[in-house]
Amino acid sequence: MNKTELLDKYARDGDSRLLLARVLDQQQRAHQRGIPTHTGFLSPAEQAESADLLMAAAPGQGILAGGYPDAERKLWAFLPDWLEEEVWLLGEDCPLAALAVKAPAGAGLTHRDYLGSLMGLGLTREKIGDILLTQAGAQVVVLRETLPILLSQWEKAGKYPVTLTPIPLDQLTPTPGERKGLRVTVASARLDAVVAAGFSIPRSRAADLIRGGRVMVNHRPCDKADKTVAAGDILTCRGLGKCVLTAVGGTSKRGRMILEMERYL
């Protein structure tokens, strides 16, 4: 398929088409010119959507990188045959950079405070990767091209002054998000039943949310309430959060399926 046919097949709407076109442009540029290229940072849903496109357009090409293995926001990088990923990560061609941000003791700054101050400098969301809160303040992953702006202009987050120090990517210290373990029983592994159990809502409401396009399975939209969910699937619901089906066990005395789940708090 050519580019237009690929976009016609995989784009969900106008914004999706623009995103996928940018990803394809970078992939083709790397292939045609033999140079490393990259996109901006993408959300998990955007990563999943573009991964489906690349699987059809250029199987095996492109790597997702966000500064550390379990990063949420990642970019696509396309490397020529002569450049190994390990060498790229350590070299000047790697577009990822990190900053340690120190705030005054007791400032209590949140993820929203840091993100708001960054965007207040005129940075778009695609320039900003994960923001990791630390005891001293935060660590922020950004595109390397933004460093001159940040080091010269980023002076406050919220109402507090901050100081910045560039750090290597291997000094990032992510902490696992707080999760609540759940052991639930369902009549079947249908999506509406699992969403209801995972978010502690009535099954009828779960079905309404699914039909309304508010539920994603593995960061891909799903409006089919009867879709079968499997162990390892990630369920996200706009307005409710995220949970993971970690294991499917046996059956209860009443013949219901036993599920092990984790809900992100």
C-alpha atoms as a PDB file:
ATOM      1  CA  MET A   1       0.000   0.000   0.000  1.00  0.00           C
ATOM      2  CA  ASN A   2       1.136   3.536  -0.671  1.00  0.00           C
ATOM      3  CA  LYS A   3       1.076   6.298   1.928  1.00  0.00           C
ATOM      4  CA  THR A   4      -2.447   7.493   1.109  1.00  0.00           C
ATOM      5  CA  GLU A   5      -3.860   3.969   1.270  1.00  0.00           C
ATOM      6  CA  LEU A   6      -2.156   3.334   4.612  1.00  0.00           C
ATOM      7  CA  LEU A   7      -3.542   6.532   6.101  1.00  0.00           C
ATOM      8  CA  ASP A   8      -7.009   5.797   4.756  1.00  0.00           C
ATOM      9  CA  LYS A   9      -6.916   2.402   6.458  1.00  0.00           C
ATOM     10  CA  TYR A  10      -5.377   3.247   9.839  1.00  0.00           C
ATOM     11  CA  ALA A  11      -6.327   6.863  10.585  1.00  0.00           C
ATOM     12  CA  ARG A  12      -9.433   7.262  12.769  1.00  0.00           C
ATOM     13  CA  ASP A  13      -9.935  10.990  12.189  1.00  0.00           C
ATOM     14  CA  GLY A  14      -8.172  14.129  11.011  1.00  0.00           C
ATOM     15  CA  ASP A  15      -5.875  14.426  14.022  1.00  0.00           C
ATOM     16  CA  SER A  16      -5.002  10.750  13.773  1.00  0.00           C
ATOM     17  CA  ARG A  17      -4.185  11.148  10.095  1.00  0.00           C
ATOM     18  CA  LEU A  18      -1.790  14.024  10.803  1.00  0.00           C
ATOM     19  CA  LEU A  19      -0.042  12.007  13.521  1.00  0.00           C
ATOM     20  CA  LEU A  20       0.351   8.912  11.359  1.00  0.00           C
ATOM     21  CA  ALA A  21       1.541  10.957   8.402  1.00  0.00           C
ATOM     22  CA  ARG A  22       4.315  12.475  10.555  1.00  0.00           C
ATOM     23  CA  VAL A  23       5.391   9.024  11.721  1.00  0.00           C
ATOM     24  CA  LEU A  24       5.493   7.712   8.150  1.00  0.00           C
ATOM     25  CA  ASP A  25       7.424  10.765   6.973  1.00  0.00           C
ATOM     26  CA  GLN A  26      10.159  10.155   9.568  1.00  0.00           C
ATOM     27  CA  GLN A  27      10.338   6.437   8.752  1.00  0.00           C
ATOM     28  CA  GLN A  28      10.648   7.126   5.029  1.00  0.00           C
ATOM     29  CA  ARG A  29      13.187   9.889   5.572  1.00  0.00           C
ATOM     30  CA  ALA A  30      15.424   7.555   7.581  1.00  0.00           C
ATOM     31  CA  HIS A  31      15.109   4.825   4.952  1.00  0.00           C
ATOM     32  CA  GLN A  32      15.736   7.060   1.944  1.00  0.00           C
ATOM     33  CA  ARG A  33      18.568   9.187   3.365  1.00  0.00           C
ATOM     34  CA  GLY A  34      20.250   6.662   5.676  1.00  0.00           C
ATOM     35  CA  ILE A  35      20.115   8.953   8.704  1.00  0.00           C
ATOM     36  CA  PRO A  36      18.537   8.579  12.155  1.00  0.00           C
ATOM     37  CA  THR A  37      15.171  10.321  12.517  1.00  0.00           C
ATOM     38  CA  HIS A  38      12.557  10.526  15.232  1.00  0.00           C
ATOM     39  CA  THR A  39       9.083  11.748  16.108  1.00  0.00           C
ATOM     40  CA  GLY A  40       8.016  13.763  19.117  1.00  0.00           C
ATOM     41  CA  PHE A  41       6.833  12.096  22.319  1.00  0.00           C
ATOM     42  CA  LEU A  42       3.612  10.122  21.963  1.00  0.00           C
ATOM     43  CA  SER A  43       0.991   9.003  24.449  1.00  0.00           C
ATOM     44  CA  PRO A  44       0.454   5.240  24.928  1.00  0.00           C
ATOM     45  CA  ALA A  45      -2.639   5.410  22.696  1.00  0.00           C
ATOM     46  CA  GLU A  46      -0.689   7.214  19.962  1.00  0.00           C
ATOM     47  CA  GLN A  47       2.109   4.654  20.261  1.00  0.00           C
ATOM     48  CA  ALA A  48      -0.338   1.782  19.798  1.00  0.00           C
ATOM     49  CA  GLU A  49      -2.027   3.448  16.844  1.00  0.00           C
ATOM     50  CA  SER A  50       1.238   4.197  15.062  1.00  0.00           C
ATOM     51  CA  ALA A  51       2.603   0.723  15.845  1.00  0.00           C
ATOM     52  CA  ASP A  52      -0.303  -0.800  13.911  1.00  0.00           C
ATOM     53  CA  LEU A  53       0.519   1.452  10.965  1.00  0.00           C
ATOM     54  CA  LEU A  54       4.242   0.634  11.027  1.00  0.00           C
ATOM     55  CA  MET A  55       3.536  -3.090  11.243  1.00  0.00           C
ATOM     56  CA  ALA A  56       1.863  -2.769   7.844  1.00  0.00           C
ATOM     57  CA  ALA A  57       4.170  -0.171   6.308  1.00  0.00           C
ATOM     58  CA  ALA A  58       7.620  -1.132   7.597  1.00  0.00           C
ATOM     59  CA  PRO A  59       7.665  -4.312   9.718  1.00  0.00           C
ATOM     60  CA  GLY A  60      10.599  -4.445  12.114  1.00  0.00           C
ATOM     61  CA  GLN A  61      11.534  -0.801  11.662  1.00  0.00           C
ATOM     62  CA  GLY A  62      11.391   1.770  14.415  1.00  0.00           C
ATOM     63  CA  ILE A  63      12.068   1.614  18.133  1.00  0.00           C
ATOM     64  CA  LEU A  64      10.104   3.234  20.938  1.00  0.00           C
ATOM     65  CA  ALA A  65      12.244   5.115  23.443  1.00  0.00           C
ATOM     66  CA  GLY A  66      11.339   7.271  26.415  1.00  0.00           C
ATOM     67  CA  GLY A  67      14.535   7.502  28.443  1.00  0.00           C
ATOM     68  CA  TYR A  68      13.992   4.383  30.567  1.00  0.00           C
ATOM     69  CA  PRO A  69      12.418   0.959  29.898  1.00  0.00           C
ATOM     70  CA  ASP A  70       8.942   1.518  31.364  1.00  0.00           C
ATOM     71  CA  ALA A  71       8.442   5.100  30.253  1.00  0.00           C
ATOM     72  CA  GLU A  72       4.851   6.035  29.476  1.00  0.00           C
ATOM     73  CA  ARG A  73       5.513   8.726  26.894  1.00  0.00           C
ATOM     74  CA  LYS A  74       7.871   7.557  24.158  1.00  0.00           C
ATOM     75  CA  LEU A  75       8.994   8.616  20.710  1.00  0.00           C
ATOM     76  CA  TRP A  76       9.586   6.580  17.589  1.00  0.00           C
ATOM     77  CA  ALA A  77      13.196   6.507  16.411  1.00  0.00           C
ATOM     78  CA  PHE A  78      14.188   5.159  13.011  1.00  0.00           C
ATOM     79  CA  LEU A  79      17.818   4.130  12.688  1.00  0.00           C
ATOM     80  CA  PRO A  80      19.831   3.348   9.549  1.00  0.00           C
ATOM     81  CA  ASP A  81      21.475  -0.062   9.276  1.00  0.00           C
ATOM     82  CA  TRP A  82      24.866   1.318  10.238  1.00  0.00           C
ATOM     83  CA  LEU A  83      23.712   2.627  13.620  1.00  0.00           C
ATOM     84  CA  GLU A  84      23.054   0.275  16.545  1.00  0.00           C
ATOM     85  CA  GLU A  85      20.492   1.254  19.167  1.00  0.00           C
ATOM     86  CA  GLU A  86      22.995   1.074  22.029  1.00  0.00           C
ATOM     87  CA  VAL A  87      25.394   3.430  20.218  1.00  0.00           C
ATOM     88  CA  TRP A  88      22.536   5.774  19.269  1.00  0.00           C
ATOM     89  CA  LEU A  89      21.340   6.067  22.875  1.00  0.00           C
ATOM     90  CA  LEU A  90      24.771   7.259  24.002  1.00  0.00           C
ATOM     91  CA  GLY A  91      25.481   9.568  21.065  1.00  0.00           C
ATOM     92  CA  GLU A  92      24.558  13.056  19.930  1.00  0.00           C
ATOM     93  CA  ASP A  93      21.970  11.684  17.483  1.00  0.00           C
ATOM     94  CA  CYS A  94      19.796  10.569  20.386  1.00  0.00           C
ATOM     95  CA  PRO A  95      17.064  13.220  20.845  1.00  0.00           C
ATOM     96  CA  LEU A  96      16.372  12.304  24.479  1.00  0.00           C
ATOM     97  CA  ALA A  97      17.637  14.410  27.356  1.00  0.00           C
ATOM     98  CA  ALA A  98      16.858  14.601  31.065  1.00  0.00           C
ATOM     99  CA  LEU A  99      16.875  17.296  33.722  1.00  0.00           C
ATOM    100  CA  ALA A 100      16.880  17.067  37.498  1.00  0.00           C
ATOM    101  CA  VAL A 101      14.629  19.810  38.844  1.00  0.00           C
ATOM    102  CA  LYS A 102      15.188  20.947  42.428  1.00  0.00           C
ATOM    103  CA  ALA A 103      12.377  22.739  44.251  1.00  0.00           C
ATOM    104  CA  PRO A 104      12.323  24.252  47.759  1.00  0.00           C
ATOM    105  CA  ALA A 105      11.731  21.808  50.607  1.00  0.00           C
ATOM    106  CA  GLY A 106       8.048  21.385  51.317  1.00  0.00           C
ATOM    107  CA  ALA A 107       6.917  22.890  48.007  1.00  0.00           C
ATOM    108  CA  GLY A 108       4.738  19.860  47.300  1.00  0.00           C
ATOM    109  CA  LEU A 109       4.719  20.462  43.559  1.00  0.00           C
ATOM    110  CA  THR A 110       2.660  18.054  41.488  1.00  0.00           C
ATOM    111  CA  HIS A 111       2.993  16.592  38.012  1.00  0.00           C
ATOM    112  CA  ARG A 112       0.483  19.208  36.841  1.00  0.00           C
ATOM    113  CA  ASP A 113       2.581  22.033  38.301  1.00  0.00           C
ATOM    114  CA  TYR A 114       5.679  20.965  36.405  1.00  0.00           C
ATOM    115  CA  LEU A 115       3.831  20.278  33.156  1.00  0.00           C
ATOM    116  CA  GLY A 116       1.986  23.579  33.345  1.00  0.00           C
ATOM    117  CA  SER A 117       5.174  25.541  33.847  1.00  0.00           C
ATOM    118  CA  LEU A 118       6.840  23.776  30.914  1.00  0.00           C
ATOM    119  CA  MET A 119       3.951  24.452  28.577  1.00  0.00           C
ATOM    120  CA  GLY A 120       3.883  28.031  29.860  1.00  0.00           C
ATOM    121  CA  LEU A 121       7.303  28.415  28.230  1.00  0.00           C
ATOM    122  CA  GLY A 122       5.714  27.625  24.885  1.00  0.00           C
ATOM    123  CA  LEU A 123       6.683  23.955  24.683  1.00  0.00           C
ATOM    124  CA  THR A 124       4.153  21.651  23.034  1.00  0.00           C
ATOM    125  CA  ARG A 125       3.267  18.319  24.611  1.00  0.00           C
ATOM    126  CA  GLU A 126       5.242  16.370  22.019  1.00  0.00           C
ATOM    127  CA  LYS A 127       8.447  18.008  23.308  1.00  0.00           C
ATOM    128  CA  ILE A 128       7.929  16.676  26.846  1.00  0.00           C
ATOM    129  CA  GLY A 129       8.306  13.083  27.967  1.00  0.00           C
ATOM    130  CA  ASP A 130       7.684  11.659  31.420  1.00  0.00           C
ATOM    131  CA  ILE A 131       7.821  13.787  34.548  1.00  0.00           C
ATOM    132  CA  LEU A 132       9.067  11.766  37.536  1.00  0.00           C
ATOM    133  CA  LEU A 133       8.447  13.212  40.978  1.00  0.00           C
ATOM    134  CA  THR A 134      11.325  12.884  43.451  1.00  0.00           C
ATOM    135  CA  GLN A 135      11.969  13.913  47.040  1.00  0.00           C
ATOM    136  CA  ALA A 136      14.004  16.880  45.826  1.00  0.00           C
ATOM    137  CA  GLY A 137      11.572  17.892  43.098  1.00  0.00           C
ATOM    138  CA  ALA A 138      11.371  16.065  39.789  1.00  0.00           C
ATOM    139  CA  GLN A 139      13.199  14.527  36.873  1.00  0.00           C
ATOM    140  CA  VAL A 140      11.941  15.481  33.421  1.00  0.00           C
ATOM    141  CA  VAL A 141      12.584  13.796  30.072  1.00  0.00           C
ATOM    142  CA  VAL A 142      12.517  16.195  27.129  1.00  0.00           C
ATOM    143  CA  LEU A 143      13.704  16.492  23.561  1.00  0.00           C
ATOM    144  CA  ARG A 144      17.350  17.535  23.542  1.00  0.00           C
ATOM    145  CA  GLU A 145      16.523  20.490  21.286  1.00  0.00           C
ATOM    146  CA  THR A 146      14.580  22.119  24.147  1.00  0.00           C
ATOM    147  CA  LEU A 147      17.525  22.220  26.574  1.00  0.00           C
ATOM    148  CA  PRO A 148      18.724  25.743  25.652  1.00  0.00           C
ATOM    149  CA  ILE A 149      15.230  27.123  26.255  1.00  0.00           C
ATOM    150  CA  LEU A 150      14.762  25.292  29.539  1.00  0.00           C
ATOM    151  CA  LEU A 151      18.182  26.073  30.977  1.00  0.00           C
ATOM    152  CA  SER A 152      17.817  29.771  30.197  1.00  0.00           C
ATOM    153  CA  GLN A 153      14.101  30.348  30.844  1.00  0.00           C
ATOM    154  CA  TRP A 154      12.624  27.743  33.208  1.00  0.00           C
ATOM    155  CA  GLU A 155      12.856  29.443  36.575  1.00  0.00           C
ATOM    156  CA  LYS A 156       9.597  28.586  38.369  1.00  0.00           C
ATOM    157  CA  ALA A 157       7.095  25.756  38.752  1.00  0.00           C
ATOM    158  CA  GLY A 158       3.874  26.859  40.335  1.00  0.00           C
ATOM    159  CA  LYS A 159       4.906  29.748  42.602  1.00  0.00           C
ATOM    160  CA  TYR A 160       8.242  28.209  43.573  1.00  0.00           C
ATOM    161  CA  PRO A 161      11.714  28.779  42.089  1.00  0.00           C
ATOM    162  CA  VAL A 162      13.463  25.754  40.608  1.00  0.00           C
ATOM    163  CA  THR A 163      17.046  24.953  39.705  1.00  0.00           C
ATOM    164  CA  LEU A 164      17.945  22.655  36.820  1.00  0.00           C
ATOM    165  CA  THR A 165      20.756  20.176  36.314  1.00  0.00           C
ATOM    166  CA  PRO A 166      21.174  18.088  33.135  1.00  0.00           C
ATOM    167  CA  ILE A 167      21.592  14.406  33.998  1.00  0.00           C
ATOM    168  CA  PRO A 168      22.368  11.270  31.950  1.00  0.00           C
ATOM    169  CA  LEU A 169      19.392   9.088  31.105  1.00  0.00           C
ATOM    170  CA  ASP A 170      20.781   6.266  33.238  1.00  0.00           C
ATOM    171  CA  GLN A 171      20.363   8.466  36.328  1.00  0.00           C
ATOM    172  CA  LEU A 172      16.577   8.588  35.954  1.00  0.00           C
ATOM    173  CA  THR A 173      14.924   7.013  38.993  1.00  0.00           C
ATOM    174  CA  PRO A 174      11.326   6.105  38.167  1.00  0.00           C
ATOM    175  CA  THR A 175       9.184   4.722  40.970  1.00  0.00           C
ATOM    176  CA  PRO A 176       6.298   2.334  40.314  1.00  0.00           C
ATOM    177  CA  GLY A 177       2.879   3.952  40.454  1.00  0.00           C
ATOM    178  CA  GLU A 178       0.750   3.036  43.450  1.00  0.00           C
ATOM    179  CA  ARG A 179      -1.550   0.131  42.667  1.00  0.00           C
ATOM    180  CA  LYS A 180      -4.303  -1.743  44.437  1.00  0.00           C
ATOM    181  CA  GLY A 181      -4.486  -5.502  44.007  1.00  0.00           C
ATOM    182  CA  LEU A 182      -7.946  -6.935  43.316  1.00  0.00           C
ATOM    183  CA  ARG A 183      -9.266 -10.466  43.360  1.00  0.00           C
ATOM    184  CA  VAL A 184     -12.656 -10.530  41.685  1.00  0.00           C
ATOM    185  CA  THR A 185     -15.090 -12.993  40.149  1.00  0.00           C
ATOM    186  CA  VAL A 186     -16.965 -12.482  36.895  1.00  0.00           C
ATOM    187  CA  ALA A 187     -19.436 -14.516  34.893  1.00  0.00           C
ATOM    188  CA  SER A 188     -17.102 -14.378  31.882  1.00  0.00           C
ATOM    189  CA  ALA A 189     -14.054 -12.514  30.585  1.00  0.00           C
ATOM    190  CA  ARG A 190     -16.197 -10.159  28.501  1.00  0.00           C
ATOM    191  CA  LEU A 191     -14.896  -6.618  28.416  1.00  0.00           C
ATOM    192  CA  ASP A 192     -17.958  -5.127  30.105  1.00  0.00           C
ATOM    193  CA  ALA A 193     -17.725  -7.617  32.978  1.00  0.00           C
ATOM    194  CA  VAL A 194     -13.994  -7.063  33.499  1.00  0.00           C
ATOM    195  CA  VAL A 195     -14.282  -3.256  33.294  1.00  0.00           C
ATOM    196  CA  ALA A 196     -17.097  -3.354  35.853  1.00  0.00           C
ATOM    197  CA  ALA A 197     -15.023  -5.477  38.222  1.00  0.00           C
ATOM    198  CA  GLY A 198     -11.800  -3.533  37.716  1.00  0.00           C
ATOM    199  CA  PHE A 199     -13.334  -0.118  38.341  1.00  0.00           C
ATOM    200  CA  SER A 200     -16.013  -1.220  40.841  1.00  0.00           C
ATOM    201  CA  ILE A 201     -18.937   0.031  38.779  1.00  0.00           C
ATOM    202  CA  PRO A 202     -22.184  -1.630  37.645  1.00  0.00           C
ATOM    203  CA  ARG A 203     -21.897  -3.744  34.514  1.00  0.00           C
ATOM    204  CA  SER A 204     -24.586  -1.638  32.804  1.00  0.00           C
ATOM    205  CA  ARG A 205     -22.472   1.488  33.301  1.00  0.00           C
ATOM    206  CA  ALA A 206     -19.383  -0.312  32.027  1.00  0.00           C
ATOM    207  CA  ALA A 207     -21.288  -1.267  28.879  1.00  0.00           C
ATOM    208  CA  ASP A 208     -22.399   2.351  28.385  1.00  0.00           C
ATOM    209  CA  LEU A 209     -18.808   3.582  28.747  1.00  0.00           C
ATOM    210  CA  ILE A 210     -17.605   1.037  26.204  1.00  0.00           C
ATOM    211  CA  ARG A 211     -20.314   1.947  23.685  1.00  0.00           C
ATOM    212  CA  GLY A 212     -19.499   5.615  24.254  1.00  0.00           C
ATOM    213  CA  GLY A 213     -15.894   5.100  23.169  1.00  0.00           C
ATOM    214  CA  ARG A 214     -14.380   5.830  26.574  1.00  0.00           C
ATOM    215  CA  VAL A 215     -12.661   2.467  27.072  1.00  0.00           C
ATOM    216  CA  MET A 216      -9.386   1.291  25.561  1.00  0.00           C
ATOM    217  CA  VAL A 217      -7.826  -2.167  25.586  1.00  0.00           C
ATOM    218  CA  ASN A 218      -4.035  -2.062  25.389  1.00  0.00           C
ATOM    219  CA  HIS A 219      -4.360   1.638  24.513  1.00  0.00           C
ATOM    220  CA  ARG A 220      -6.544   0.897  21.486  1.00  0.00           C
ATOM    221  CA  PRO A 221     -10.189   2.035  21.358  1.00  0.00           C
ATOM    222  CA  CYS A 222     -12.702  -0.764  21.768  1.00  0.00           C
ATOM    223  CA  ASP A 223     -16.472  -0.325  21.586  1.00  0.00           C
ATOM    224  CA  LYS A 224     -17.361  -4.019  21.713  1.00  0.00           C
ATOM    225  CA  ALA A 225     -18.684  -4.981  25.150  1.00  0.00           C
ATOM    226  CA  ASP A 226     -18.439  -8.687  24.314  1.00  0.00           C
ATOM    227  CA  LYS A 227     -14.702  -8.614  23.470  1.00  0.00           C
ATOM    228  CA  THR A 228     -12.821 -11.279  25.415  1.00  0.00           C
ATOM    229  CA  VAL A 229     -10.114  -9.904  27.696  1.00  0.00           C
ATOM    230  CA  ALA A 230      -6.942 -11.907  28.407  1.00  0.00           C
ATOM    231  CA  ALA A 231      -4.256 -11.903  31.093  1.00  0.00           C
ATOM    232  CA  GLY A 232      -1.840  -9.014  30.560  1.00  0.00           C
ATOM    233  CA  ASP A 233      -4.409  -6.741  28.943  1.00  0.00           C
ATOM    234  CA  ILE A 234      -4.368  -3.094  30.045  1.00  0.00           C
ATOM    235  CA  LEU A 235      -7.760  -1.439  30.400  1.00  0.00           C
ATOM    236  CA  THR A 236      -8.082   2.332  30.485  1.00  0.00           C
ATOM    237  CA  CYS A 237     -11.271   4.283  30.907  1.00  0.00           C
ATOM    238  CA  ARG A 238     -11.453   8.028  30.458  1.00  0.00           C
ATOM    239  CA  GLY A 239     -12.439   9.511  33.791  1.00  0.00           C
ATOM    240  CA  LEU A 240     -11.798   6.345  35.812  1.00  0.00           C
ATOM    241  CA  GLY A 241      -8.138   5.489  35.236  1.00  0.00           C
ATOM    242  CA  LYS A 242      -6.277   2.319  34.396  1.00  0.00           C
ATOM    243  CA  CYS A 243      -6.241  -1.299  35.530  1.00  0.00           C
ATOM    244  CA  VAL A 244      -4.452  -4.443  34.408  1.00  0.00           C
ATOM    245  CA  LEU A 245      -5.755  -7.987  34.266  1.00  0.00           C
ATOM    246  CA  THR A 246      -2.741  -9.761  35.727  1.00  0.00           C
ATOM    247  CA  ALA A 247      -4.037 -13.346  35.837  1.00  0.00           C
ATOM    248  CA  VAL A 248      -7.031 -15.510  35.073  1.00  0.00           C
ATOM    249  CA  GLY A 249      -7.439 -18.165  37.744  1.00  0.00           C
ATOM    250  CA  GLY A 250      -9.847 -21.024  38.187  1.00  0.00           C
ATOM    251  CA  THR A 251     -13.523 -20.877  39.056  1.00  0.00           C
ATOM    252  CA  SER A 252     -15.307 -20.121  42.294  1.00  0.00           C
ATOM    253  CA  LYS A 253     -17.719 -22.476  44.061  1.00  0.00           C
ATOM    254  CA  ARG A 254     -20.495 -20.744  42.177  1.00  0.00           C
ATOM    255  CA  GLY A 255     -18.825 -21.408  38.857  1.00  0.00           C
ATOM    256  CA  ARG A 256     -17.636 -17.830  38.282  1.00  0.00           C
ATOM    257  CA  MET A 257     -14.263 -16.981  36.764  1.00  0.00           C
ATOM    258  CA  ILE A 258     -11.621 -15.723  39.227  1.00  0.00           C
ATOM    259  CA  LEU A 259      -9.500 -12.778  38.073  1.00  0.00           C
ATOM    260  CA  GLU A 260      -6.440 -11.124  39.577  1.00  0.00           C
ATOM    261  CA  MET A 261      -6.262  -7.415  38.728  1.00  0.00           C
ATOM    262  CA  GLU A 262      -4.309  -4.300  39.628  1.00  0.00           C
ATOM    263  CA  ARG A 263      -5.877  -0.846  39.639  1.00  0.00           C
ATOM    264  CA  TYR A 264      -3.652   2.211  39.338  1.00  0.00           C
ATOM    265  CA  LEU A 265      -4.428   4.781  42.035  1.00  0.00           C
END
